[in-house]
N, C-alpha and C. Protein backbone atom coordinates (compact mmCIF):
# COMPACT_ATOMS: atom_id res chain seq x y z
N MET A 1 9.81 29.44 12.56
CA MET A 1 10.41 28.31 11.76
C MET A 1 9.32 27.27 11.51
N ILE A 2 9.37 26.62 10.40
CA ILE A 2 8.58 25.48 10.04
C ILE A 2 9.38 24.24 10.52
N ARG A 3 8.66 23.35 11.24
CA ARG A 3 9.37 22.12 11.66
C ARG A 3 8.99 20.96 10.66
N LEU A 4 10.10 20.48 10.03
CA LEU A 4 10.00 19.42 9.01
C LEU A 4 10.51 18.09 9.57
N ALA A 5 9.66 17.08 9.55
CA ALA A 5 10.04 15.74 10.13
C ALA A 5 10.72 15.00 8.92
N LEU A 6 11.92 14.59 9.14
CA LEU A 6 12.67 13.80 8.14
C LEU A 6 12.70 12.34 8.54
N PRO A 7 12.56 11.46 7.63
CA PRO A 7 12.48 9.96 7.96
C PRO A 7 13.86 9.40 8.15
N LYS A 8 14.00 8.48 9.13
CA LYS A 8 15.23 7.74 9.18
C LYS A 8 15.15 6.57 8.16
N GLY A 9 16.32 6.03 7.84
CA GLY A 9 16.28 4.86 6.92
C GLY A 9 16.28 5.19 5.49
N ARG A 10 15.62 4.33 4.65
CA ARG A 10 15.81 4.28 3.24
C ARG A 10 15.35 5.55 2.52
N ASN A 11 14.41 6.33 3.18
CA ASN A 11 13.80 7.55 2.45
C ASN A 11 14.65 8.79 2.82
N LEU A 12 15.53 8.77 3.72
CA LEU A 12 16.28 10.00 4.07
C LEU A 12 17.06 10.60 2.93
N GLU A 13 17.90 9.78 2.29
CA GLU A 13 18.73 10.36 1.24
C GLU A 13 17.88 10.84 0.06
N VAL A 14 16.82 10.12 -0.28
CA VAL A 14 15.90 10.53 -1.28
C VAL A 14 15.31 11.87 -1.00
N THR A 15 14.89 12.06 0.27
CA THR A 15 14.25 13.28 0.68
C THR A 15 15.24 14.43 0.64
N LEU A 16 16.44 14.22 1.16
CA LEU A 16 17.41 15.37 1.15
C LEU A 16 17.81 15.69 -0.22
N ALA A 17 17.98 14.73 -1.09
CA ALA A 17 18.33 14.99 -2.51
C ALA A 17 17.24 15.83 -3.20
N ALA A 18 16.02 15.49 -2.97
CA ALA A 18 14.84 16.27 -3.60
C ALA A 18 14.82 17.71 -3.06
N PHE A 19 14.89 17.84 -1.73
CA PHE A 19 14.80 19.18 -1.21
C PHE A 19 16.04 20.07 -1.60
N ARG A 20 17.20 19.37 -1.65
CA ARG A 20 18.38 20.19 -2.12
C ARG A 20 18.23 20.62 -3.52
N ALA A 21 17.69 19.73 -4.35
CA ALA A 21 17.44 20.09 -5.85
C ALA A 21 16.48 21.36 -5.90
N ALA A 22 15.65 21.48 -4.88
CA ALA A 22 14.73 22.62 -4.86
C ALA A 22 15.29 23.74 -4.07
N GLY A 23 16.59 23.68 -3.73
CA GLY A 23 17.25 24.81 -3.05
C GLY A 23 16.92 24.89 -1.56
N LEU A 24 16.50 23.77 -0.95
CA LEU A 24 16.29 23.72 0.46
C LEU A 24 17.14 22.70 1.13
N LEU A 25 17.34 22.87 2.45
CA LEU A 25 18.11 21.94 3.28
C LEU A 25 19.56 21.83 2.82
N GLN A 26 20.11 22.86 2.27
CA GLN A 26 21.46 22.87 1.80
C GLN A 26 22.46 22.66 2.92
N GLY A 27 22.03 23.12 4.10
CA GLY A 27 22.97 23.08 5.26
C GLY A 27 22.78 21.88 6.11
N HIS A 28 21.92 20.92 5.68
CA HIS A 28 21.70 19.76 6.49
C HIS A 28 22.62 18.62 6.03
N ASP A 29 23.40 18.08 6.99
CA ASP A 29 24.43 17.15 6.61
C ASP A 29 23.88 15.73 6.48
N GLY A 30 22.63 15.49 6.93
CA GLY A 30 22.02 14.13 6.78
C GLY A 30 22.56 13.07 7.64
N GLY A 31 23.50 13.43 8.44
CA GLY A 31 24.05 12.39 9.37
C GLY A 31 23.97 12.85 10.81
N GLY A 32 24.78 12.13 11.67
CA GLY A 32 24.85 12.48 13.06
C GLY A 32 23.64 11.94 13.79
N ARG A 33 23.66 12.18 15.13
CA ARG A 33 22.61 11.63 16.04
C ARG A 33 21.68 12.73 16.52
N SER A 34 21.81 13.94 16.02
CA SER A 34 20.95 15.04 16.51
C SER A 34 19.55 14.77 16.07
N LEU A 35 18.62 14.92 16.97
CA LEU A 35 17.16 14.75 16.73
C LEU A 35 16.56 16.03 16.18
N LEU A 36 17.16 17.14 16.60
CA LEU A 36 16.58 18.39 16.06
C LEU A 36 17.74 19.20 15.46
N THR A 37 17.55 19.74 14.29
CA THR A 37 18.51 20.53 13.63
C THR A 37 17.86 21.82 13.07
N GLN A 38 18.49 22.99 13.47
CA GLN A 38 17.94 24.24 12.95
C GLN A 38 18.75 24.74 11.76
N LEU A 39 17.99 25.18 10.78
CA LEU A 39 18.57 25.78 9.55
C LEU A 39 18.01 27.15 9.43
N PRO A 40 18.57 28.16 10.10
CA PRO A 40 17.95 29.50 10.09
C PRO A 40 17.84 30.09 8.69
N ALA A 41 18.84 29.81 7.80
CA ALA A 41 18.76 30.41 6.47
C ALA A 41 17.51 29.98 5.72
N ASP A 42 17.02 28.77 5.97
CA ASP A 42 15.82 28.29 5.34
C ASP A 42 14.55 28.51 6.12
N GLY A 43 14.73 28.95 7.45
CA GLY A 43 13.56 29.10 8.31
C GLY A 43 12.97 27.74 8.67
N ILE A 44 13.81 26.66 8.75
CA ILE A 44 13.42 25.30 8.95
C ILE A 44 14.10 24.74 10.19
N GLU A 45 13.32 24.01 10.93
CA GLU A 45 13.95 23.11 11.97
C GLU A 45 13.52 21.69 11.58
N THR A 46 14.51 20.82 11.50
CA THR A 46 14.15 19.45 11.11
C THR A 46 14.12 18.50 12.37
N LEU A 47 13.35 17.54 12.28
CA LEU A 47 13.09 16.60 13.39
C LEU A 47 13.32 15.23 12.73
N SER A 48 14.18 14.44 13.31
CA SER A 48 14.48 13.05 12.78
C SER A 48 13.62 12.02 13.46
N LEU A 49 12.81 11.31 12.73
CA LEU A 49 11.93 10.32 13.23
C LEU A 49 11.91 8.99 12.45
N LYS A 50 11.50 7.96 13.09
CA LYS A 50 11.26 6.71 12.41
C LYS A 50 10.01 6.81 11.63
N ASP A 51 9.88 6.07 10.46
CA ASP A 51 8.74 6.17 9.51
C ASP A 51 7.42 5.95 10.25
N TRP A 52 7.41 4.95 11.13
CA TRP A 52 6.16 4.60 11.72
C TRP A 52 5.63 5.62 12.74
N ASP A 53 6.53 6.46 13.24
CA ASP A 53 6.13 7.51 14.16
C ASP A 53 5.81 8.84 13.47
N LEU A 54 6.40 9.04 12.35
CA LEU A 54 6.36 10.31 11.69
C LEU A 54 4.88 10.84 11.41
N PRO A 55 4.03 10.04 10.89
CA PRO A 55 2.66 10.56 10.60
C PRO A 55 1.92 11.02 11.88
N LEU A 56 2.15 10.40 12.97
CA LEU A 56 1.52 10.77 14.28
C LEU A 56 2.05 12.17 14.69
N TYR A 57 3.36 12.36 14.62
CA TYR A 57 3.98 13.68 15.02
C TYR A 57 3.40 14.73 14.11
N VAL A 58 3.24 14.49 12.86
CA VAL A 58 2.71 15.52 11.93
C VAL A 58 1.18 15.76 12.20
N GLU A 59 0.41 14.72 12.43
CA GLU A 59 -1.01 14.84 12.60
C GLU A 59 -1.27 15.63 13.89
N HIS A 60 -0.45 15.47 14.90
CA HIS A 60 -0.66 16.10 16.19
C HIS A 60 -0.02 17.54 16.22
N GLY A 61 0.66 17.93 15.11
CA GLY A 61 1.22 19.30 15.02
C GLY A 61 2.51 19.43 15.65
N VAL A 62 3.08 18.34 16.17
CA VAL A 62 4.47 18.46 16.73
C VAL A 62 5.46 18.86 15.61
N ALA A 63 5.19 18.33 14.41
CA ALA A 63 5.91 18.73 13.16
C ALA A 63 4.85 19.28 12.26
N ASP A 64 5.20 20.33 11.53
CA ASP A 64 4.23 20.90 10.60
C ASP A 64 4.07 20.06 9.35
N CYS A 65 5.14 19.38 8.92
CA CYS A 65 5.09 18.54 7.72
C CYS A 65 6.18 17.56 7.85
N GLY A 66 6.26 16.62 6.89
CA GLY A 66 7.29 15.58 6.93
C GLY A 66 7.27 14.79 5.66
N VAL A 67 8.20 13.93 5.59
CA VAL A 67 8.19 12.96 4.46
C VAL A 67 8.22 11.55 4.94
N VAL A 68 7.27 10.69 4.42
CA VAL A 68 7.15 9.30 4.84
C VAL A 68 6.61 8.48 3.69
N GLY A 69 6.98 7.20 3.77
CA GLY A 69 6.62 6.29 2.71
C GLY A 69 5.13 6.01 2.59
N SER A 70 4.59 5.89 1.41
CA SER A 70 3.18 5.70 1.17
C SER A 70 2.74 4.31 1.73
N ASP A 71 3.66 3.37 1.90
CA ASP A 71 3.41 2.15 2.57
C ASP A 71 2.98 2.33 4.03
N VAL A 72 3.65 3.16 4.70
CA VAL A 72 3.30 3.58 6.10
C VAL A 72 1.97 4.28 6.12
N LEU A 73 1.74 5.28 5.20
CA LEU A 73 0.52 6.00 5.20
C LEU A 73 -0.72 5.10 4.92
N SER A 74 -0.51 4.04 4.14
CA SER A 74 -1.65 3.15 3.84
C SER A 74 -1.93 2.27 5.05
N GLU A 75 -1.04 2.18 5.98
CA GLU A 75 -1.27 1.29 7.15
C GLU A 75 -1.75 2.04 8.38
N VAL A 76 -1.46 3.35 8.50
CA VAL A 76 -1.87 4.04 9.69
C VAL A 76 -3.01 4.94 9.39
N ASP A 77 -3.81 5.17 10.46
CA ASP A 77 -4.94 6.11 10.35
C ASP A 77 -4.37 7.51 10.52
N GLY A 78 -4.85 8.48 9.76
CA GLY A 78 -4.39 9.87 9.95
C GLY A 78 -5.10 10.79 9.01
N ASP A 79 -5.29 11.97 9.43
CA ASP A 79 -5.87 13.00 8.56
C ASP A 79 -4.87 14.06 8.15
N LEU A 80 -4.10 13.69 7.07
CA LEU A 80 -3.02 14.48 6.62
C LEU A 80 -3.14 14.89 5.19
N LEU A 81 -2.70 16.04 4.79
CA LEU A 81 -2.62 16.51 3.40
C LEU A 81 -1.35 15.75 2.73
N VAL A 82 -1.57 15.31 1.57
CA VAL A 82 -0.41 14.66 0.80
C VAL A 82 -0.28 15.38 -0.51
N PRO A 83 0.41 16.47 -0.58
CA PRO A 83 0.43 17.34 -1.80
C PRO A 83 1.20 16.80 -2.91
N VAL A 84 2.36 16.06 -2.62
CA VAL A 84 3.30 15.57 -3.67
C VAL A 84 3.94 14.22 -3.20
N ARG A 85 4.41 13.46 -4.19
CA ARG A 85 5.10 12.26 -3.98
C ARG A 85 6.49 12.40 -4.64
N LEU A 86 7.56 12.01 -4.04
CA LEU A 86 8.90 12.08 -4.61
C LEU A 86 9.10 11.05 -5.76
N LYS A 87 9.72 11.40 -6.79
CA LYS A 87 9.91 10.50 -7.89
C LYS A 87 11.00 9.44 -7.57
N ALA A 88 12.12 9.87 -6.94
CA ALA A 88 13.22 8.99 -6.76
C ALA A 88 13.01 7.99 -5.62
N GLY A 89 13.64 6.89 -5.66
CA GLY A 89 13.62 5.95 -4.56
C GLY A 89 12.37 5.13 -4.47
N ARG A 90 11.59 5.04 -5.55
CA ARG A 90 10.31 4.31 -5.54
C ARG A 90 10.64 2.82 -5.54
N SER A 91 9.70 2.11 -4.79
CA SER A 91 9.77 0.68 -4.77
C SER A 91 8.38 0.13 -4.93
N ARG A 92 8.12 -1.10 -4.59
CA ARG A 92 6.85 -1.71 -4.85
C ARG A 92 6.46 -2.62 -3.63
N MET A 93 5.21 -2.75 -3.37
CA MET A 93 4.71 -3.70 -2.40
C MET A 93 4.20 -4.85 -3.16
N SER A 94 4.72 -6.02 -2.80
CA SER A 94 4.44 -7.25 -3.56
C SER A 94 4.16 -8.43 -2.69
N PHE A 95 3.46 -9.39 -3.24
CA PHE A 95 3.36 -10.74 -2.63
C PHE A 95 4.66 -11.52 -3.00
N ILE A 96 5.18 -12.15 -1.96
CA ILE A 96 6.47 -12.89 -2.13
C ILE A 96 6.20 -14.37 -1.69
N GLY A 97 6.78 -15.29 -2.42
CA GLY A 97 6.68 -16.72 -1.96
C GLY A 97 7.80 -17.55 -2.60
N ARG A 98 7.65 -18.84 -2.41
CA ARG A 98 8.63 -19.73 -2.95
C ARG A 98 8.24 -20.27 -4.33
N GLY A 99 7.01 -20.05 -4.70
CA GLY A 99 6.50 -20.47 -6.03
C GLY A 99 6.00 -19.29 -6.83
N HIS A 100 5.68 -19.42 -8.07
CA HIS A 100 5.29 -18.34 -8.91
C HIS A 100 3.77 -18.12 -9.02
N ALA A 101 2.97 -18.87 -8.31
CA ALA A 101 1.60 -18.78 -8.43
C ALA A 101 0.93 -18.21 -7.17
N MET A 102 -0.17 -17.49 -7.31
CA MET A 102 -0.99 -17.06 -6.15
C MET A 102 -1.84 -18.23 -5.65
N PRO A 103 -2.46 -18.15 -4.50
CA PRO A 103 -3.23 -19.22 -4.01
C PRO A 103 -4.45 -19.47 -4.97
N GLU A 104 -4.91 -20.69 -4.99
CA GLU A 104 -6.07 -21.05 -5.80
C GLU A 104 -7.34 -20.45 -5.09
N SER A 105 -8.38 -20.29 -5.89
CA SER A 105 -9.67 -19.82 -5.35
C SER A 105 -10.17 -20.77 -4.28
N GLY A 106 -10.54 -20.20 -3.13
CA GLY A 106 -11.02 -20.98 -2.01
C GLY A 106 -10.05 -21.41 -1.08
N ALA A 107 -8.72 -21.17 -1.38
CA ALA A 107 -7.68 -21.61 -0.53
C ALA A 107 -7.53 -20.73 0.67
N GLN A 108 -7.04 -21.32 1.82
CA GLN A 108 -6.77 -20.54 3.01
C GLN A 108 -5.24 -20.63 3.31
N VAL A 109 -4.54 -19.51 3.32
CA VAL A 109 -3.07 -19.55 3.52
C VAL A 109 -2.71 -18.60 4.69
N ARG A 110 -1.47 -18.75 5.07
CA ARG A 110 -0.90 -17.87 6.10
C ARG A 110 -0.08 -16.77 5.38
N LEU A 111 -0.24 -15.57 5.80
CA LEU A 111 0.39 -14.44 5.09
C LEU A 111 1.11 -13.56 6.09
N ALA A 112 2.50 -13.50 5.97
CA ALA A 112 3.26 -12.68 6.87
C ALA A 112 3.55 -11.34 6.34
N THR A 113 3.49 -10.31 7.24
CA THR A 113 3.64 -8.94 6.71
C THR A 113 3.89 -7.99 7.88
N LYS A 114 4.44 -6.82 7.57
CA LYS A 114 4.51 -5.72 8.47
C LYS A 114 3.34 -4.84 8.31
N TYR A 115 2.44 -5.12 7.43
CA TYR A 115 1.35 -4.23 7.03
C TYR A 115 0.06 -5.00 7.17
N PRO A 116 -0.43 -5.34 8.37
CA PRO A 116 -1.63 -6.19 8.51
C PRO A 116 -2.89 -5.49 8.02
N GLN A 117 -3.09 -4.19 8.27
CA GLN A 117 -4.26 -3.56 7.81
C GLN A 117 -4.28 -3.45 6.31
N THR A 118 -3.25 -3.17 5.66
CA THR A 118 -3.12 -3.16 4.20
C THR A 118 -3.40 -4.57 3.64
N ALA A 119 -2.76 -5.57 4.29
CA ALA A 119 -3.00 -6.95 3.84
C ALA A 119 -4.45 -7.36 3.82
N ARG A 120 -5.14 -7.01 4.92
CA ARG A 120 -6.56 -7.36 5.10
C ARG A 120 -7.36 -6.76 3.97
N ARG A 121 -7.08 -5.44 3.63
CA ARG A 121 -7.84 -4.85 2.60
C ARG A 121 -7.59 -5.53 1.24
N ILE A 122 -6.34 -5.87 0.98
CA ILE A 122 -6.01 -6.50 -0.28
C ILE A 122 -6.64 -7.87 -0.38
N VAL A 123 -6.52 -8.69 0.66
CA VAL A 123 -7.03 -10.06 0.64
C VAL A 123 -8.52 -10.08 0.56
N ALA A 124 -9.15 -9.09 1.11
CA ALA A 124 -10.69 -8.98 1.10
C ALA A 124 -11.20 -8.98 -0.32
N GLY A 125 -10.35 -8.54 -1.29
CA GLY A 125 -10.82 -8.54 -2.64
C GLY A 125 -10.33 -9.71 -3.47
N ARG A 126 -9.76 -10.73 -2.77
CA ARG A 126 -9.22 -11.91 -3.52
C ARG A 126 -10.19 -13.11 -3.25
N PRO A 127 -10.14 -14.05 -4.17
CA PRO A 127 -10.99 -15.30 -4.05
C PRO A 127 -10.38 -16.30 -3.03
N TRP A 128 -9.35 -16.00 -2.43
CA TRP A 128 -8.79 -16.82 -1.42
C TRP A 128 -8.66 -16.12 -0.02
N GLY A 129 -8.49 -16.81 1.05
CA GLY A 129 -8.42 -16.20 2.35
C GLY A 129 -7.07 -16.36 2.93
N ALA A 130 -6.80 -15.56 4.01
CA ALA A 130 -5.48 -15.61 4.63
C ALA A 130 -5.60 -15.30 6.17
N GLU A 131 -4.77 -16.03 6.94
CA GLU A 131 -4.50 -15.74 8.32
C GLU A 131 -3.31 -14.76 8.25
N ILE A 132 -3.44 -13.60 8.80
CA ILE A 132 -2.44 -12.54 8.75
C ILE A 132 -1.43 -12.75 9.97
N VAL A 133 -0.15 -12.88 9.68
CA VAL A 133 0.80 -12.96 10.71
C VAL A 133 1.67 -11.69 10.70
N LYS A 134 1.59 -10.93 11.75
CA LYS A 134 2.23 -9.65 11.72
C LYS A 134 3.73 -9.88 12.28
N LEU A 135 4.68 -9.36 11.41
CA LEU A 135 6.08 -9.40 11.82
C LEU A 135 6.61 -7.97 11.77
N SER A 136 7.65 -7.70 12.56
CA SER A 136 8.26 -6.42 12.50
C SER A 136 9.56 -6.26 11.64
N GLY A 137 10.00 -7.44 11.25
CA GLY A 137 11.21 -7.36 10.33
C GLY A 137 11.49 -8.78 9.78
N SER A 138 12.43 -8.88 8.84
CA SER A 138 12.75 -10.11 8.12
C SER A 138 11.55 -10.87 7.64
N VAL A 139 10.70 -10.11 6.98
CA VAL A 139 9.37 -10.71 6.59
C VAL A 139 9.69 -11.80 5.51
N GLU A 140 10.72 -11.69 4.68
CA GLU A 140 10.98 -12.63 3.59
C GLU A 140 11.33 -13.93 4.18
N LEU A 141 11.75 -14.05 5.40
CA LEU A 141 12.11 -15.30 6.05
C LEU A 141 10.90 -16.18 6.25
N ALA A 142 9.74 -15.60 6.38
CA ALA A 142 8.52 -16.34 6.74
C ALA A 142 8.20 -17.43 5.68
N PRO A 143 8.19 -17.07 4.36
CA PRO A 143 7.92 -18.20 3.40
C PRO A 143 9.15 -19.07 3.22
N LEU A 144 10.36 -18.48 3.39
CA LEU A 144 11.51 -19.29 3.23
C LEU A 144 11.67 -20.38 4.24
N LEU A 145 11.17 -20.14 5.49
CA LEU A 145 11.24 -21.13 6.57
C LEU A 145 9.90 -21.68 6.95
N SER A 146 8.92 -21.49 6.06
CA SER A 146 7.61 -22.08 6.13
C SER A 146 6.75 -21.57 7.36
N LEU A 147 7.07 -20.46 7.89
CA LEU A 147 6.22 -19.81 8.86
C LEU A 147 4.82 -19.36 8.21
N ALA A 148 4.97 -19.05 6.86
CA ALA A 148 3.85 -18.59 6.09
C ALA A 148 4.03 -18.98 4.72
N GLU A 149 2.93 -19.21 3.94
CA GLU A 149 3.05 -19.52 2.56
C GLU A 149 3.43 -18.29 1.67
N LEU A 150 2.99 -17.15 2.15
CA LEU A 150 3.15 -15.92 1.43
C LEU A 150 3.66 -14.82 2.36
N ALA A 151 4.37 -13.74 1.77
CA ALA A 151 4.69 -12.55 2.52
C ALA A 151 4.21 -11.39 1.68
N LEU A 152 3.86 -10.32 2.32
CA LEU A 152 3.51 -9.01 1.69
C LEU A 152 4.54 -8.08 2.19
N ASP A 153 5.48 -7.56 1.31
CA ASP A 153 6.55 -6.75 1.78
C ASP A 153 6.98 -5.79 0.64
N ILE A 154 7.96 -4.91 1.04
CA ILE A 154 8.46 -3.96 0.07
C ILE A 154 9.63 -4.61 -0.70
N VAL A 155 9.57 -4.43 -2.02
CA VAL A 155 10.72 -4.92 -2.86
C VAL A 155 11.29 -3.73 -3.61
N GLN A 156 12.67 -3.64 -3.55
CA GLN A 156 13.33 -2.56 -4.28
C GLN A 156 13.98 -3.12 -5.57
N THR A 157 15.04 -3.86 -5.35
CA THR A 157 15.75 -4.50 -6.51
C THR A 157 15.38 -5.92 -6.74
N GLY A 158 14.91 -6.63 -5.71
CA GLY A 158 14.61 -8.04 -5.87
C GLY A 158 15.82 -8.91 -5.63
N ARG A 159 16.98 -8.34 -5.43
CA ARG A 159 18.22 -9.13 -5.27
C ARG A 159 18.14 -10.09 -4.10
N THR A 160 17.68 -9.57 -2.97
CA THR A 160 17.62 -10.51 -1.72
C THR A 160 16.68 -11.67 -1.98
N LEU A 161 15.66 -11.44 -2.68
CA LEU A 161 14.67 -12.47 -2.99
C LEU A 161 15.39 -13.54 -3.86
N ALA A 162 16.01 -13.10 -4.94
CA ALA A 162 16.73 -13.99 -5.82
C ALA A 162 17.81 -14.81 -5.09
N GLU A 163 18.51 -14.19 -4.19
CA GLU A 163 19.58 -14.87 -3.47
C GLU A 163 19.12 -15.92 -2.59
N ASN A 164 17.84 -15.84 -2.20
CA ASN A 164 17.17 -16.81 -1.28
C ASN A 164 16.14 -17.64 -1.90
N ASN A 165 16.17 -17.67 -3.25
CA ASN A 165 15.25 -18.55 -3.98
C ASN A 165 13.78 -18.26 -3.71
N LEU A 166 13.57 -16.94 -3.52
CA LEU A 166 12.15 -16.52 -3.41
C LEU A 166 11.70 -15.74 -4.66
N VAL A 167 10.46 -15.64 -4.81
CA VAL A 167 9.89 -15.06 -6.07
C VAL A 167 8.96 -13.89 -5.73
N GLU A 168 9.03 -12.74 -6.44
CA GLU A 168 8.03 -11.68 -6.35
C GLU A 168 6.85 -12.16 -7.22
N ILE A 169 5.83 -12.55 -6.65
CA ILE A 169 4.70 -13.17 -7.36
C ILE A 169 3.92 -12.14 -8.05
N GLU A 170 3.52 -11.09 -7.28
CA GLU A 170 2.54 -10.09 -7.77
C GLU A 170 2.81 -8.71 -7.07
N THR A 171 2.94 -7.69 -7.91
CA THR A 171 3.00 -6.37 -7.29
C THR A 171 1.57 -5.77 -7.12
N VAL A 172 1.38 -5.28 -5.85
CA VAL A 172 0.01 -4.75 -5.51
C VAL A 172 0.04 -3.25 -5.45
N ALA A 173 1.14 -2.56 -5.36
CA ALA A 173 1.11 -1.12 -5.21
C ALA A 173 2.52 -0.54 -5.43
N GLU A 174 2.67 0.62 -5.98
CA GLU A 174 3.94 1.35 -6.04
C GLU A 174 4.10 2.09 -4.69
N VAL A 175 5.31 2.16 -4.19
CA VAL A 175 5.61 2.81 -2.88
C VAL A 175 6.46 3.95 -3.16
N ALA A 176 6.04 5.17 -2.70
CA ALA A 176 6.86 6.43 -2.85
C ALA A 176 6.95 7.18 -1.54
N ALA A 177 7.98 7.95 -1.43
CA ALA A 177 8.08 8.90 -0.28
C ALA A 177 7.19 10.05 -0.52
N CYS A 178 6.36 10.37 0.43
CA CYS A 178 5.34 11.42 0.24
C CYS A 178 5.58 12.61 1.21
N LEU A 179 5.35 13.84 0.77
CA LEU A 179 5.28 14.98 1.62
C LEU A 179 3.94 15.02 2.23
N VAL A 180 3.90 15.00 3.60
CA VAL A 180 2.62 15.08 4.34
C VAL A 180 2.59 16.30 5.17
N VAL A 181 1.45 16.96 5.26
CA VAL A 181 1.35 18.28 5.91
C VAL A 181 0.11 18.25 6.85
N ASN A 182 0.40 18.76 8.07
CA ASN A 182 -0.65 18.97 9.09
C ASN A 182 -1.63 20.07 8.47
N ARG A 183 -2.92 19.80 8.69
CA ARG A 183 -3.91 20.67 8.06
C ARG A 183 -3.88 22.06 8.67
N ALA A 184 -3.74 22.19 9.92
CA ALA A 184 -3.67 23.46 10.61
C ALA A 184 -2.41 24.24 10.29
N SER A 185 -1.34 23.45 10.19
CA SER A 185 -0.01 24.05 9.77
C SER A 185 -0.12 24.62 8.32
N TYR A 186 -0.84 23.94 7.45
CA TYR A 186 -0.95 24.41 6.15
C TYR A 186 -1.64 25.73 6.09
N GLN A 187 -2.62 26.00 6.89
CA GLN A 187 -3.23 27.23 6.98
C GLN A 187 -2.35 28.29 7.53
N ARG A 188 -1.53 28.02 8.43
CA ARG A 188 -0.59 29.01 9.10
C ARG A 188 0.58 29.29 8.09
N HIS A 189 1.02 28.28 7.47
CA HIS A 189 2.22 28.45 6.62
C HIS A 189 1.96 28.23 5.11
N ARG A 190 0.72 28.57 4.69
CA ARG A 190 0.29 28.30 3.30
C ARG A 190 1.33 28.78 2.31
N ALA A 191 1.71 30.12 2.39
CA ALA A 191 2.55 30.73 1.40
C ALA A 191 3.93 30.00 1.36
N VAL A 192 4.52 29.63 2.43
CA VAL A 192 5.79 29.05 2.47
C VAL A 192 5.67 27.59 1.84
N LEU A 193 4.69 26.89 2.39
CA LEU A 193 4.63 25.51 1.90
C LEU A 193 4.25 25.40 0.43
N ASN A 194 3.42 26.31 -0.10
CA ASN A 194 3.15 26.34 -1.46
C ASN A 194 4.37 26.68 -2.28
N ASP A 195 5.24 27.54 -1.77
CA ASP A 195 6.56 27.85 -2.39
C ASP A 195 7.40 26.68 -2.37
N TRP A 196 7.47 25.82 -1.34
CA TRP A 196 8.22 24.63 -1.37
C TRP A 196 7.77 23.71 -2.47
N ILE A 197 6.45 23.51 -2.55
CA ILE A 197 5.85 22.63 -3.54
C ILE A 197 6.19 23.04 -4.89
N ASP A 198 6.00 24.37 -5.18
CA ASP A 198 6.40 24.90 -6.45
C ASP A 198 7.82 24.69 -6.85
N ARG A 199 8.71 24.85 -5.84
CA ARG A 199 10.13 24.59 -6.10
C ARG A 199 10.48 23.12 -6.33
N LEU A 200 9.84 22.25 -5.60
CA LEU A 200 10.02 20.83 -5.82
C LEU A 200 9.45 20.47 -7.21
N GLU A 201 8.38 21.01 -7.62
CA GLU A 201 7.84 20.64 -8.94
C GLU A 201 8.75 21.30 -9.97
N ALA A 202 9.23 22.47 -9.83
CA ALA A 202 10.16 23.04 -10.84
C ALA A 202 11.43 22.26 -10.93
N ALA A 203 11.86 21.66 -9.90
CA ALA A 203 13.06 20.81 -9.83
C ALA A 203 12.77 19.40 -10.52
N GLU A 204 11.54 19.12 -10.79
CA GLU A 204 11.11 17.92 -11.41
C GLU A 204 11.46 16.71 -10.56
N VAL A 205 11.27 16.85 -9.29
CA VAL A 205 11.67 15.68 -8.34
C VAL A 205 10.39 15.08 -7.70
N VAL A 206 9.16 15.63 -8.06
CA VAL A 206 7.92 15.14 -7.48
C VAL A 206 6.98 14.91 -8.62
N SER A 207 5.89 14.18 -8.22
CA SER A 207 4.75 13.99 -9.14
C SER A 207 3.48 14.04 -8.32
């Protein structure tokens, strides 16, 4: 069996819909508290993981492959193959604040985010500087309550921002759920994994 790591949270339904469109994971109910689910008809065992843990499990070969957001991949170090990105459920990584303007050249601001490594890389190319404040959740509260002048976070619809008088100032990256594959596992399961990729591409659910 191939062990496929499925993400908990916002990318799970997107992942299941894409794989089902490709004729895979038809017997997976997507719910429950089971951490391991065997689907003998597909030759797959699924493992349920949080986004931030999933790349590590795949890199170390505990899972052969998995699906995780590109926002997480940009933040963590890892040597993984990324053959396709899912089309559905895409969002964006953006600077968020109470005003519409980015900091002026030479300014020094406080920037709150769950993505400190990504934030440092982005700010390094800007004419202004930032003290990075790492938060694990409710990042949009930081500019709202003046913990930071800016936030760098994921935006889907923008509704939460609008309801709290916050502004999406600038989009810096598109975020997509990505299929990631352990390099050694790809050599062992090349034929099956290539078949999966072909079926996902035929279903027009990846790019």
